Protein backbone atom coordinates (compact mmCIF):
# COMPACT_ATOMS: atom_id res chain seq x y z
CA MET A 1 34.69 175.48 -48.33
CA GLY A 2 35.96 172.23 -46.84
CA VAL A 3 38.55 171.73 -44.16
CA ILE A 4 42.02 170.78 -45.38
CA LYS A 5 43.45 167.87 -43.42
CA GLY A 6 47.02 166.67 -43.34
CA ASP A 7 49.92 168.42 -45.03
CA ILE A 8 48.90 171.46 -47.09
CA PHE A 9 51.64 170.68 -49.62
CA ASP A 10 50.30 167.17 -50.17
CA ASN A 11 46.86 168.65 -50.80
CA LEU A 12 48.37 171.01 -53.38
CA GLY A 13 50.14 168.17 -55.17
CA ILE A 14 53.64 169.42 -54.34
CA SER A 15 56.38 166.80 -54.03
CA HIS A 16 58.01 166.12 -50.67
CA SER A 17 61.31 167.61 -51.83
CA GLU A 18 59.64 170.79 -53.11
CA ALA A 19 57.62 171.02 -49.90
CA SER A 20 60.79 170.70 -47.81
CA GLU A 21 62.39 173.59 -49.69
CA LEU A 22 59.27 175.74 -49.37
CA ARG A 23 59.06 175.07 -45.64
CA MET A 24 62.71 176.01 -45.18
CA ARG A 25 62.30 179.23 -47.15
CA ALA A 26 59.09 180.05 -45.27
CA ASP A 27 60.78 179.50 -41.89
CA LEU A 28 63.70 181.72 -42.89
CA LEU A 29 61.43 184.45 -44.24
CA ASP A 30 59.31 184.34 -41.08
CA ALA A 31 62.38 184.75 -38.84
CA ILE A 32 63.71 187.60 -40.99
CA LEU A 33 60.40 189.45 -41.01
CA ARG A 34 60.04 189.12 -37.22
CA VAL A 35 63.39 190.89 -36.76
CA VAL A 36 62.57 193.50 -39.41
CA HIS A 37 59.23 194.34 -37.77
CA ARG A 38 60.64 194.29 -34.23
CA GLN A 39 63.46 196.66 -35.25
CA LYS A 40 61.06 198.73 -37.40
CA TYR A 41 63.49 198.84 -40.31
CA THR A 42 62.50 200.77 -43.40
CA GLN A 43 63.12 199.27 -46.82
CA LYS A 44 65.94 201.77 -47.30
CA GLN A 45 67.62 200.77 -44.01
CA LEU A 46 67.14 197.11 -44.83
CA ALA A 47 68.72 197.54 -48.26
CA VAL A 48 71.86 198.90 -46.57
CA ILE A 49 71.94 196.22 -43.86
CA LEU A 50 71.35 193.37 -46.31
CA ASP A 51 73.52 194.91 -49.05
CA ASP A 52 70.82 194.52 -51.67
CA HIS A 53 68.61 196.70 -53.84
CA GLN A 54 65.50 198.41 -52.47
CA PRO A 55 63.07 196.69 -54.90
CA ASN A 56 64.21 193.35 -53.44
CA MET A 57 63.42 194.69 -49.97
CA SER A 58 59.89 195.50 -51.13
CA ASP A 59 59.50 191.91 -52.34
CA LEU A 60 60.91 190.63 -49.05
CA MET A 61 58.59 192.79 -46.94
CA ASN A 62 55.62 191.68 -49.04
CA GLY A 63 56.46 188.00 -48.51
CA LYS A 64 57.19 187.20 -52.15
CA ILE A 65 58.98 184.02 -51.16
CA ALA A 66 59.39 182.69 -54.70
CA LYS A 67 61.84 185.50 -55.46
CA PHE A 68 64.37 184.40 -52.83
CA SER A 69 66.60 181.34 -52.75
CA ILE A 70 67.46 179.55 -49.52
CA ASP A 71 71.04 180.82 -49.94
CA LYS A 72 69.95 184.44 -50.15
CA LEU A 73 67.60 184.11 -47.18
CA VAL A 74 70.39 182.53 -45.09
CA ARG A 75 72.68 185.46 -45.97
CA TYR A 76 69.95 187.94 -45.04
CA ALA A 77 69.36 186.13 -41.75
CA ASP A 78 73.06 186.21 -40.94
CA ARG A 79 73.27 189.95 -41.62
CA LEU A 80 70.34 190.47 -39.24
CA GLY A 81 72.01 188.44 -36.49
CA ILE A 82 69.83 185.36 -36.88
CA GLU A 83 71.58 182.04 -36.35
CA THR A 84 70.39 179.42 -38.80
CA ARG A 85 70.58 175.66 -38.39
CA VAL A 86 69.48 172.79 -40.54
CA GLN A 87 67.85 169.85 -38.82
CA THR A 88 67.57 166.59 -40.68
CA VAL A 89 65.28 163.71 -39.81
CA GLU A 90 65.11 160.48 -41.79
CA HIS A 91 61.57 159.52 -42.72
CA LYS A 92 61.34 155.79 -42.12
CA GLU A 93 57.93 155.42 -43.74
CA ARG A 94 58.97 157.03 -47.03
CA ARG A 95 60.99 154.93 -49.41
CA LEU A 96 63.25 156.34 -52.07
CA ALA A 97 62.05 155.84 -55.62
CA GLY A 98 63.92 152.92 -57.12
CA ALA A 99 65.34 151.79 -53.78
CA TRP A 100 65.91 148.11 -53.44
């Protein structure tokens, strides 16, 4: 097996915009799971705290990131006391499609 160099998303053929969303969701999920593990919450406790159904907590705990929108993950983070911020950086080297 070869070594993957550069951005994993580029190597998978995922667009920059899709990759940005996946990174954001992954960062949110990682922060949520750190709190969940540190506090040793059960799925039942988490369902109460996050005001959601237990099967969703199973998906969350198993890292099924595709099942959760950024909005939902931000709400979960807030309920767990995690402050979220969005940082934007303009990529000078990337031009918009169709830009003059």
